[in-house]
Protein backbone atom coordinates (compact mmCIF):
# COMPACT_ATOMS: atom_id res chain seq x y z
CA MET A 1 9.91 -12.70 35.55
CA GLU A 2 7.28 -14.05 33.27
CA PRO A 3 7.90 -13.62 29.53
CA LEU A 4 5.78 -10.94 27.80
CA LEU A 5 2.66 -12.33 25.95
CA GLU A 6 3.08 -12.38 22.20
CA ILE A 7 -0.11 -11.91 20.22
CA PRO A 8 0.07 -12.93 16.55
CA LEU A 9 -1.01 -10.06 14.15
CA THR A 10 -2.81 -11.02 10.97
CA GLY A 11 -2.59 -7.70 9.07
CA GLY A 12 -0.22 -7.37 6.17
CA ARG A 13 0.44 -9.68 3.21
CA ILE A 14 4.23 -10.14 3.05
CA THR A 15 5.94 -11.08 6.38
CA PRO A 16 4.85 -13.99 8.52
CA GLY A 17 5.61 -14.27 12.21
CA VAL A 18 4.67 -10.77 13.21
CA VAL A 19 3.48 -10.47 16.82
CA ARG A 20 2.38 -7.71 19.27
CA VAL A 21 4.23 -7.52 22.55
CA GLY A 22 2.77 -4.85 24.82
CA ASP A 23 2.88 -1.54 22.94
CA THR A 24 5.35 -2.84 20.39
CA VAL A 25 5.35 -5.02 17.29
CA ARG A 26 8.10 -7.58 16.70
CA ARG A 27 8.88 -8.62 13.12
CA PRO A 28 11.53 -10.88 11.52
CA VAL A 29 14.29 -8.87 9.83
CA GLY A 30 14.26 -9.39 6.09
CA GLY A 31 16.82 -8.74 3.47
CA HIS A 32 15.32 -5.31 2.65
CA ALA A 33 15.49 -4.16 6.31
CA PRO A 34 18.42 -1.74 5.94
CA PHE A 35 16.51 0.43 3.50
CA VAL A 36 13.23 0.03 5.42
CA HIS A 37 15.00 0.99 8.75
CA ARG A 38 16.49 4.11 7.04
CA LEU A 39 13.01 4.95 5.67
CA LEU A 40 11.28 4.66 9.10
CA ARG A 41 13.97 6.79 10.75
CA HIS A 42 13.60 9.41 7.97
CA LEU A 43 9.76 9.50 8.43
CA GLU A 44 10.22 9.94 12.15
CA ASN A 45 12.78 12.67 11.69
CA ALA A 46 10.46 14.39 9.21
CA GLY A 47 7.62 14.33 11.80
CA CYS A 48 5.47 12.04 9.74
CA ASP A 49 3.19 10.00 11.93
CA ALA A 50 1.82 7.84 9.05
CA ALA A 51 4.23 4.97 9.82
CA PRO A 52 5.47 3.07 12.86
CA ARG A 53 8.57 4.08 14.75
CA LEU A 54 11.64 1.87 14.68
CA LEU A 55 12.64 1.09 18.29
CA GLY A 56 15.51 -1.26 17.73
CA THR A 57 15.85 -5.14 17.87
CA ASP A 58 15.10 -7.64 20.53
CA SER A 59 17.08 -10.57 21.88
CA ARG A 60 15.78 -12.77 19.10
CA GLY A 61 16.97 -10.47 16.44
CA ARG A 62 13.52 -9.23 15.47
CA GLU A 63 12.91 -5.58 14.78
CA ILE A 64 10.88 -3.64 17.33
CA LEU A 65 8.31 -1.20 16.05
CA SER A 66 5.80 1.00 17.85
CA PHE A 67 2.24 -0.50 17.86
CA GLN A 68 -0.26 1.53 15.82
CA GLN A 69 -3.53 1.81 17.50
CA GLY A 70 -6.64 1.05 15.47
CA ARG A 71 -8.16 -1.88 13.63
CA THR A 72 -6.88 -3.70 10.60
CA CYS A 73 -8.75 -5.34 7.76
CA ALA A 74 -9.24 -9.12 8.11
CA LYS A 75 -9.80 -9.64 4.34
CA PHE A 76 -7.90 -8.39 1.43
CA ARG A 77 -10.80 -8.16 -1.01
CA SER A 78 -13.23 -6.12 1.16
CA ARG A 79 -13.47 -3.38 -1.38
CA GLU A 80 -16.58 -1.81 0.12
CA TRP A 81 -15.38 1.69 0.72
CA SER A 82 -16.95 5.11 1.24
CA HIS A 83 -15.76 8.32 -0.43
CA ALA A 84 -14.63 9.50 3.11
CA GLN A 85 -12.49 6.35 3.49
CA MET A 86 -10.89 6.76 0.01
CA THR A 87 -10.22 10.45 0.73
CA ALA A 88 -8.38 9.52 3.96
CA ALA A 89 -6.52 6.69 2.22
CA ALA A 90 -5.28 9.08 -0.55
CA ARG A 91 -4.17 11.76 2.02
CA LEU A 92 -2.29 9.11 3.97
CA LEU A 93 -0.44 7.97 0.97
CA ARG A 94 0.27 11.63 -0.02
CA ARG A 95 1.76 12.26 3.47
CA LEU A 96 4.15 9.30 3.01
CA HIS A 97 5.18 10.47 -0.43
CA ASP A 98 5.59 14.09 0.49
CA ALA A 99 7.83 13.10 3.44
CA THR A 100 10.28 11.25 1.19
CA ALA A 101 10.08 13.38 -2.07
CA GLY A 102 13.49 14.84 -2.85
CA SER A 103 15.20 12.97 -0.12
CA PRO A 104 18.36 10.80 -0.53
CA LEU A 105 16.20 7.71 -0.02
CA ALA A 106 14.31 8.54 -3.28
CA GLY A 107 17.56 8.03 -5.16
CA GLY A 108 16.85 10.49 -7.94
CA GLU A 109 13.23 9.21 -8.32
CA GLU A 110 10.15 11.27 -7.45
CA THR A 111 9.61 9.73 -4.08
CA VAL A 112 9.71 6.49 -2.06
CA CYS A 113 6.83 4.16 -3.05
CA HIS A 114 5.21 2.01 -0.44
CA ASN A 115 4.56 -0.55 -3.19
CA ASP A 116 1.94 -2.49 -1.24
CA PHE A 117 -0.45 0.16 -0.03
CA SER A 118 -3.22 -2.36 0.58
CA PRO A 119 -6.14 -2.10 3.00
CA LEU A 120 -4.33 -4.90 4.81
CA ASN A 121 -1.34 -2.68 5.42
CA VAL A 122 -3.31 0.21 6.94
CA THR A 123 -4.69 0.85 10.43
CA PHE A 124 -8.17 2.32 10.73
CA VAL A 125 -9.29 4.78 13.38
CA ASP A 126 -12.93 5.74 13.53
CA GLU A 127 -13.25 3.61 10.32
CA LEU A 128 -10.86 5.89 8.40
CA PRO A 129 -7.31 4.94 7.25
CA ALA A 130 -4.85 6.51 9.72
CA ALA A 131 -1.45 5.00 9.27
CA ALA A 132 0.44 2.56 7.18
CA PHE A 133 2.73 -0.39 7.97
CA ASP A 134 4.64 -3.26 6.31
CA PHE A 135 7.10 -1.32 4.12
CA ASP A 136 8.94 -4.42 3.08
CA GLN A 137 8.56 -3.59 -0.60
CA ALA A 138 9.30 0.14 -0.30
CA ALA A 139 11.54 1.47 -3.01
CA PRO A 140 12.22 4.70 -5.00
CA GLY A 141 9.69 5.36 -7.75
CA SER A 142 6.98 7.74 -9.06
CA ARG A 143 3.88 8.90 -7.22
CA ALA A 144 1.61 7.79 -10.05
CA ARG A 145 3.11 4.25 -10.05
CA ASP A 146 2.32 3.81 -6.41
CA LEU A 147 -1.17 5.29 -6.81
CA ALA A 148 -1.84 2.92 -9.71
CA TYR A 149 -1.11 -0.07 -7.64
CA ALA A 150 -3.03 1.26 -4.62
CA ALA A 151 -6.06 1.96 -6.85
CA TRP A 152 -6.10 -1.73 -7.83
CA LEU A 153 -5.55 -2.94 -4.32
CA TRP A 154 -8.35 -0.84 -2.90
CA LEU A 155 -10.91 -0.36 -5.69
CA LEU A 156 -10.76 -2.17 -8.93
CA GLY A 157 -11.46 -5.68 -10.24
CA PRO A 158 -14.10 -8.25 -11.10
CA GLU A 159 -14.90 -9.12 -7.50
CA MET A 160 -16.46 -5.80 -6.70
CA THR A 161 -20.09 -5.87 -5.51
CA HIS A 162 -20.71 -2.43 -7.07
CA PRO A 163 -20.69 -1.86 -10.84
CA LEU A 164 -17.68 -0.34 -12.59
CA ASP A 165 -19.14 3.28 -12.59
CA HIS A 166 -19.15 3.14 -8.83
CA GLN A 167 -15.62 1.89 -8.68
CA LEU A 168 -14.59 4.67 -11.00
CA ALA A 169 -16.32 7.36 -8.90
CA LEU A 170 -14.30 6.26 -5.89
CA LEU A 171 -11.15 6.15 -7.99
CA ARG A 172 -11.75 9.78 -8.97
CA THR A 173 -12.32 10.67 -5.31
CA PHE A 174 -8.97 8.93 -4.48
CA LEU A 175 -7.00 10.75 -7.13
CA GLU A 176 -8.65 14.12 -6.44
CA ALA A 177 -7.88 13.80 -2.73
CA TYR A 178 -4.35 12.88 -3.38
CA GLY A 179 -3.97 15.78 -5.77
CA LEU A 180 -2.55 13.89 -8.77
CA PRO A 181 -2.10 16.32 -11.64
CA ALA A 182 -4.08 15.85 -14.83
CA HIS A 183 -1.00 14.96 -16.89
CA ASP A 184 -0.28 12.01 -14.61
CA ARG A 185 -3.83 10.74 -15.03
CA HIS A 186 -3.32 10.16 -18.75
CA ALA A 187 -3.72 6.48 -19.63
CA PHE A 188 -4.16 5.68 -15.95
CA GLY A 189 -6.13 2.46 -16.54
CA THR A 190 -3.25 1.22 -18.74
CA ARG A 191 -0.81 2.14 -16.07
CA ILE A 192 -2.72 0.15 -13.49
CA ALA A 193 -2.69 -3.02 -15.67
CA ALA A 194 1.04 -2.58 -16.26
CA ARG A 195 1.76 -2.12 -12.60
CA VAL A 196 -0.13 -5.27 -11.71
CA GLU A 197 1.69 -7.13 -14.48
CA ALA A 198 4.96 -5.93 -12.88
CA GLU A 199 3.84 -7.42 -9.64
CA ARG A 200 3.15 -10.73 -11.39
CA ASP A 201 6.61 -10.62 -12.91
CA PHE A 202 8.14 -9.90 -9.48
CA HIS A 203 6.58 -13.03 -8.08
CA THR A 204 7.74 -15.10 -11.06
CA GLN A 205 11.32 -13.85 -10.65
CA ALA A 206 11.14 -14.74 -7.00
CA GLY A 207 10.34 -18.30 -7.87
CA ARG A 208 6.55 -17.96 -7.34
CA PRO A 209 5.21 -18.15 -10.91
CA ILE A 210 1.67 -17.02 -11.55
CA THR A 211 -0.32 -19.55 -13.56
CA PRO A 212 -2.60 -18.44 -16.44
CA ASN A 213 -5.64 -19.67 -14.42
CA SER A 214 -4.62 -17.85 -11.17
CA TRP A 215 -6.63 -15.20 -9.50
CA LEU A 216 -3.95 -12.58 -10.28
CA ALA A 217 -4.03 -13.61 -13.97
CA HIS A 218 -7.78 -13.10 -14.12
CA GLU A 219 -7.41 -9.66 -12.46
CA ILE A 220 -4.90 -8.60 -15.08
CA THR A 221 -7.18 -9.78 -17.86
CA TRP A 222 -10.03 -7.75 -16.28
CA LEU A 223 -7.82 -4.66 -16.03
CA HIS A 224 -6.82 -4.86 -19.63
CA ALA A 225 -10.38 -5.29 -20.70
CA HIS A 226 -11.44 -2.16 -18.86
CA ALA A 227 -8.27 -0.04 -19.24
CA GLU A 228 -9.74 2.24 -21.98
CA THR A 229 -12.80 2.89 -19.87
CA ILE A 230 -10.78 3.76 -16.83
CA ASP A 231 -8.49 5.92 -18.97
CA ARG A 232 -11.48 7.86 -20.29
CA GLU A 233 -13.39 8.30 -17.08
CA VAL A 234 -10.35 9.27 -14.96
CA ALA A 235 -9.18 11.85 -17.60
CA ALA A 236 -12.70 13.26 -17.90
CA GLY A 237 -12.83 13.87 -14.08
CA ARG A 238 -16.57 13.34 -13.97
């Protein structure tokens, strides 16, 4: 019997060695796998179709996941999105949060955060975000914290083709579609900058220090420079 063809998958930013085999995805099992596996089983039991199904492990010890139909982004910094796409992205993240809110997995926090809800970690159907994958950084946390990081990953930064007012219009669409309450939008630009700084610190603690001249350091500088504008415009809801 011929071995099944393995097709490398390029989506995602965290785990190398991910391949497609038929209608499944095979991924190396990481140290965070026990929590991720519990999360995926919980989402399945909750009837949430916004994430892949865990199907077990193969003979090489890799986890087997259901393959999510659709296309993935080839580049992280695309950042050319429509209001319809940002509405769909927000509603997708809301479904994930709602499915885990108040569950034992949340561990007393508001919900379980994806913590890397990037365009690279989403499948698109008919050009709209349809499902998420790569939950390797998932952990208990607040909805606003996950939304802040997602807002940066999708929308904000100095590399955007469109001016800041266009970025902020899409951000307001994103938060409105999610349904984030007004009190959680207070100082949202400051929250975004702090969340990206936390990501920088995570990499430093993991032995991957971020230099002052790095791309991420420049992004953080830009976010701090525009935090008050983001705070004001998001709070105004214009």
